[in-house]
N, C-alpha and C. Protein backbone atom coordinates (compact mmCIF):
# COMPACT_ATOMS: atom_id res chain seq x y z
N UNK A 1 0.86 -1.18 0.04
CA UNK A 1 0.05 0.03 -0.02
C UNK A 1 0.86 1.23 0.03
N UNK A 2 0.46 2.19 -0.85
CA UNK A 2 1.34 3.49 -0.89
C UNK A 2 0.63 4.60 -0.04
N UNK A 3 1.51 5.28 0.69
CA UNK A 3 1.03 6.33 1.52
C UNK A 3 1.91 7.54 1.26
N UNK A 4 1.39 8.74 1.16
CA UNK A 4 1.98 9.97 0.86
C UNK A 4 2.25 10.75 2.22
N UNK A 5 3.34 11.42 2.25
CA UNK A 5 3.66 12.17 3.43
C UNK A 5 4.21 13.56 3.10
N UNK A 6 3.74 14.65 3.72
CA UNK A 6 4.32 15.92 3.66
C UNK A 6 4.79 16.29 5.02
N UNK A 7 6.08 16.45 5.31
CA UNK A 7 6.47 16.68 6.64
C UNK A 7 7.30 17.98 6.67
N UNK A 8 6.89 18.83 7.71
CA UNK A 8 7.78 20.04 7.90
C UNK A 8 9.00 19.54 8.55
N UNK A 9 10.09 20.37 8.17
CA UNK A 9 11.46 20.12 8.73
C UNK A 9 11.83 21.37 9.47
N UNK A 10 12.82 21.29 10.39
CA UNK A 10 13.18 22.47 11.16
C UNK A 10 14.79 22.54 11.43
N UNK A 11 15.17 23.81 11.56
CA UNK A 11 16.61 23.95 11.75
C UNK A 11 17.51 23.80 10.55
N UNK A 12 16.90 23.90 9.34
CA UNK A 12 17.67 23.72 8.06
C UNK A 12 17.12 24.70 7.10
N UNK A 13 17.69 24.85 5.99
CA UNK A 13 17.27 25.75 4.93
C UNK A 13 16.03 25.36 4.24
N UNK A 14 15.77 24.02 4.02
CA UNK A 14 14.54 23.58 3.44
C UNK A 14 13.31 23.67 4.51
N UNK A 15 12.12 23.76 3.94
CA UNK A 15 10.97 23.98 4.86
C UNK A 15 10.15 22.74 4.91
N UNK A 16 10.18 21.81 3.91
CA UNK A 16 9.36 20.62 4.07
C UNK A 16 10.02 19.60 3.08
N UNK A 17 9.66 18.35 3.37
CA UNK A 17 10.01 17.20 2.51
C UNK A 17 8.77 16.35 2.27
N UNK A 18 8.54 15.95 1.01
CA UNK A 18 7.32 15.09 0.72
C UNK A 18 7.89 13.88 0.13
N UNK A 19 7.23 12.70 0.40
CA UNK A 19 7.66 11.46 -0.13
C UNK A 19 6.53 10.47 -0.02
N UNK A 20 6.67 9.39 -0.66
CA UNK A 20 5.76 8.27 -0.57
C UNK A 20 6.47 7.07 0.00
N UNK A 21 5.77 6.20 0.78
CA UNK A 21 6.33 4.99 1.18
C UNK A 21 5.39 3.92 0.68
N UNK A 22 5.84 2.99 -0.19
CA UNK A 22 5.08 1.96 -0.78
C UNK A 22 5.81 0.59 -0.38
N UNK A 23 5.16 -0.30 0.30
CA UNK A 23 5.79 -1.57 0.74
C UNK A 23 7.12 -1.43 1.35
N UNK A 24 7.27 -0.39 2.19
CA UNK A 24 8.52 -0.11 2.81
C UNK A 24 9.57 0.63 2.02
N UNK A 25 9.28 1.01 0.73
CA UNK A 25 10.26 1.64 -0.11
C UNK A 25 9.97 3.09 -0.33
N UNK A 26 10.87 3.89 -0.19
CA UNK A 26 10.66 5.43 -0.34
C UNK A 26 10.69 5.83 -1.84
N UNK A 27 9.76 6.58 -2.21
CA UNK A 27 9.65 7.03 -3.62
C UNK A 27 9.16 8.55 -3.62
N UNK A 28 9.50 9.20 -4.72
CA UNK A 28 8.92 10.53 -5.07
C UNK A 28 9.41 11.54 -4.02
N UNK A 29 10.63 11.57 -3.67
CA UNK A 29 11.13 12.38 -2.65
C UNK A 29 11.30 13.84 -3.26
N UNK A 30 10.79 14.91 -2.57
CA UNK A 30 10.92 16.26 -3.00
C UNK A 30 11.14 17.16 -1.72
N UNK A 31 12.10 17.99 -1.81
CA UNK A 31 12.25 18.99 -0.77
C UNK A 31 11.73 20.30 -1.29
N UNK A 32 11.13 21.11 -0.30
CA UNK A 32 10.69 22.45 -0.59
C UNK A 32 11.79 23.39 0.02
N UNK A 33 12.55 24.13 -0.83
CA UNK A 33 13.47 25.03 -0.33
C UNK A 33 14.78 24.22 -0.07
N UNK A 34 15.81 25.00 0.41
CA UNK A 34 17.08 24.38 0.80
C UNK A 34 17.98 24.50 -0.48
N UNK A 35 19.19 24.00 -0.33
CA UNK A 35 20.21 24.03 -1.33
C UNK A 35 19.85 23.03 -2.40
N UNK A 36 19.50 23.50 -3.53
CA UNK A 36 18.98 22.65 -4.61
C UNK A 36 19.78 21.43 -5.00
N UNK A 37 21.13 21.67 -5.08
CA UNK A 37 22.03 20.53 -5.37
C UNK A 37 22.01 19.45 -4.35
N UNK A 38 22.07 19.85 -3.08
CA UNK A 38 22.14 18.90 -2.02
C UNK A 38 20.81 18.17 -1.83
N UNK A 39 19.67 18.89 -1.87
CA UNK A 39 18.44 18.23 -1.67
C UNK A 39 18.05 17.40 -2.82
N UNK A 40 18.41 17.75 -4.10
CA UNK A 40 18.11 17.01 -5.19
C UNK A 40 19.00 15.77 -5.18
N UNK A 41 20.17 15.84 -4.68
CA UNK A 41 21.08 14.70 -4.58
C UNK A 41 20.61 13.68 -3.53
N UNK A 42 20.18 14.19 -2.40
CA UNK A 42 19.66 13.37 -1.30
C UNK A 42 18.43 12.70 -1.88
N UNK A 43 17.36 13.35 -2.51
CA UNK A 43 16.35 12.83 -3.00
C UNK A 43 16.61 11.76 -4.01
N UNK A 44 17.55 12.01 -4.88
CA UNK A 44 17.84 10.93 -5.98
C UNK A 44 18.40 9.70 -5.38
N UNK A 45 19.29 9.89 -4.36
CA UNK A 45 19.92 8.69 -3.76
C UNK A 45 18.91 7.91 -2.96
N UNK A 46 17.97 8.55 -2.29
CA UNK A 46 16.96 7.96 -1.57
C UNK A 46 15.91 7.20 -2.33
N UNK A 47 15.69 7.62 -3.52
CA UNK A 47 14.61 7.00 -4.36
C UNK A 47 14.84 5.50 -4.54
N UNK A 48 13.81 4.78 -4.10
CA UNK A 48 13.81 3.34 -4.23
C UNK A 48 14.48 2.58 -3.05
N UNK A 49 14.99 3.33 -2.07
CA UNK A 49 15.68 2.77 -0.87
C UNK A 49 14.68 2.36 0.13
N UNK A 50 14.92 1.23 0.84
CA UNK A 50 14.04 0.95 2.06
C UNK A 50 14.06 2.06 3.03
N UNK A 51 12.84 2.33 3.57
CA UNK A 51 12.72 3.45 4.48
C UNK A 51 13.63 3.34 5.69
N UNK A 52 13.71 2.10 6.18
CA UNK A 52 14.61 1.87 7.33
C UNK A 52 16.00 2.19 7.12
N UNK A 53 16.47 1.90 5.88
CA UNK A 53 17.86 2.12 5.51
C UNK A 53 18.17 3.62 5.44
N UNK A 54 17.17 4.39 5.01
CA UNK A 54 17.28 5.87 4.99
C UNK A 54 17.50 6.37 6.37
N UNK A 55 16.66 5.88 7.31
CA UNK A 55 16.78 6.35 8.65
C UNK A 55 18.26 5.96 9.18
N UNK A 56 18.69 4.82 8.99
CA UNK A 56 20.00 4.33 9.42
C UNK A 56 21.14 5.15 8.85
N UNK A 57 21.01 5.37 7.59
CA UNK A 57 22.25 6.08 6.91
C UNK A 57 22.20 7.59 7.14
N UNK A 58 21.11 8.19 7.13
CA UNK A 58 21.08 9.61 7.20
C UNK A 58 20.97 10.39 8.64
N UNK A 59 20.53 9.61 9.58
CA UNK A 59 20.34 10.11 10.90
C UNK A 59 21.64 10.57 11.51
N UNK A 60 21.56 11.72 11.92
CA UNK A 60 22.75 12.43 12.65
C UNK A 60 23.79 13.18 11.79
N UNK A 61 23.58 13.19 10.59
CA UNK A 61 24.36 13.95 9.65
C UNK A 61 24.20 15.47 10.00
N UNK A 62 25.30 16.22 10.27
CA UNK A 62 25.15 17.57 10.74
C UNK A 62 25.62 18.48 9.62
N UNK A 63 25.01 19.68 9.61
CA UNK A 63 25.37 20.75 8.67
C UNK A 63 25.60 22.01 9.62
N UNK A 64 24.41 22.56 9.95
CA UNK A 64 24.56 23.71 10.96
C UNK A 64 23.39 23.50 11.97
N UNK A 65 23.53 23.91 13.14
CA UNK A 65 22.65 23.79 14.23
C UNK A 65 22.39 22.24 14.55
N UNK A 66 23.42 21.49 14.49
CA UNK A 66 23.46 20.06 14.91
C UNK A 66 22.38 19.24 14.09
N UNK A 67 21.98 19.64 12.92
CA UNK A 67 21.17 18.92 11.99
C UNK A 67 21.49 19.16 10.59
N UNK A 68 20.81 18.56 9.69
CA UNK A 68 20.98 18.86 8.25
C UNK A 68 19.65 18.43 7.50
N UNK A 69 19.61 18.77 6.17
CA UNK A 69 18.51 18.27 5.41
C UNK A 69 18.38 16.74 5.44
N UNK A 70 19.53 15.99 5.25
CA UNK A 70 19.45 14.57 5.33
C UNK A 70 18.92 14.09 6.72
N UNK A 71 19.49 14.72 7.75
CA UNK A 71 19.05 14.30 9.11
C UNK A 71 17.57 14.62 9.21
N UNK A 72 17.13 15.69 8.89
CA UNK A 72 15.60 16.06 9.01
C UNK A 72 14.75 15.03 8.16
N UNK A 73 15.26 14.72 7.00
CA UNK A 73 14.57 13.73 6.14
C UNK A 73 14.56 12.35 6.84
N UNK A 74 15.61 11.97 7.49
CA UNK A 74 15.59 10.67 8.18
C UNK A 74 14.61 10.71 9.31
N UNK A 75 14.44 11.86 10.04
CA UNK A 75 13.53 11.98 11.11
C UNK A 75 12.00 11.97 10.55
N UNK A 76 11.82 12.53 9.38
CA UNK A 76 10.54 12.55 8.82
C UNK A 76 10.13 11.07 8.32
N UNK A 77 11.10 10.35 7.74
CA UNK A 77 10.76 8.96 7.43
C UNK A 77 10.55 8.16 8.69
N UNK A 78 11.31 8.36 9.73
CA UNK A 78 11.21 7.53 10.89
C UNK A 78 9.75 7.82 11.54
N UNK A 79 9.36 9.11 11.49
CA UNK A 79 8.01 9.46 11.98
C UNK A 79 6.97 8.81 11.12
N UNK A 80 7.11 8.80 9.91
CA UNK A 80 6.11 8.09 8.98
C UNK A 80 6.06 6.64 9.23
N UNK A 81 7.20 6.01 9.50
CA UNK A 81 7.18 4.58 9.82
C UNK A 81 6.57 4.39 11.10
N UNK A 82 6.63 5.21 12.08
CA UNK A 82 6.01 5.03 13.39
C UNK A 82 4.43 5.23 13.21
N UNK A 83 4.09 6.13 12.28
CA UNK A 83 2.66 6.35 12.07
C UNK A 83 2.01 5.11 11.50
N UNK A 84 2.74 4.47 10.59
CA UNK A 84 2.30 3.15 9.93
C UNK A 84 2.22 2.02 10.88
N UNK A 85 3.01 2.04 11.96
CA UNK A 85 3.00 0.87 12.83
C UNK A 85 1.73 0.76 13.68
């Protein structure tokens, strides 16, 4: 089953990340705002990856303010997974 998420992020340049989770796989990742090259790169690398792997790989990456767009994305994916449980 496919479910869509729009999650606000905080402490980073981007304002929101949207994505789908279908059968545990993350798809259609899009950041609103932020550094276009970085957010596009993260979205491209995350496409088709298991949601749990995204949390594992991206959690704790720091940019400024002890967080980053990848870290915020991992938190959004983790929150989505907890909502599904």
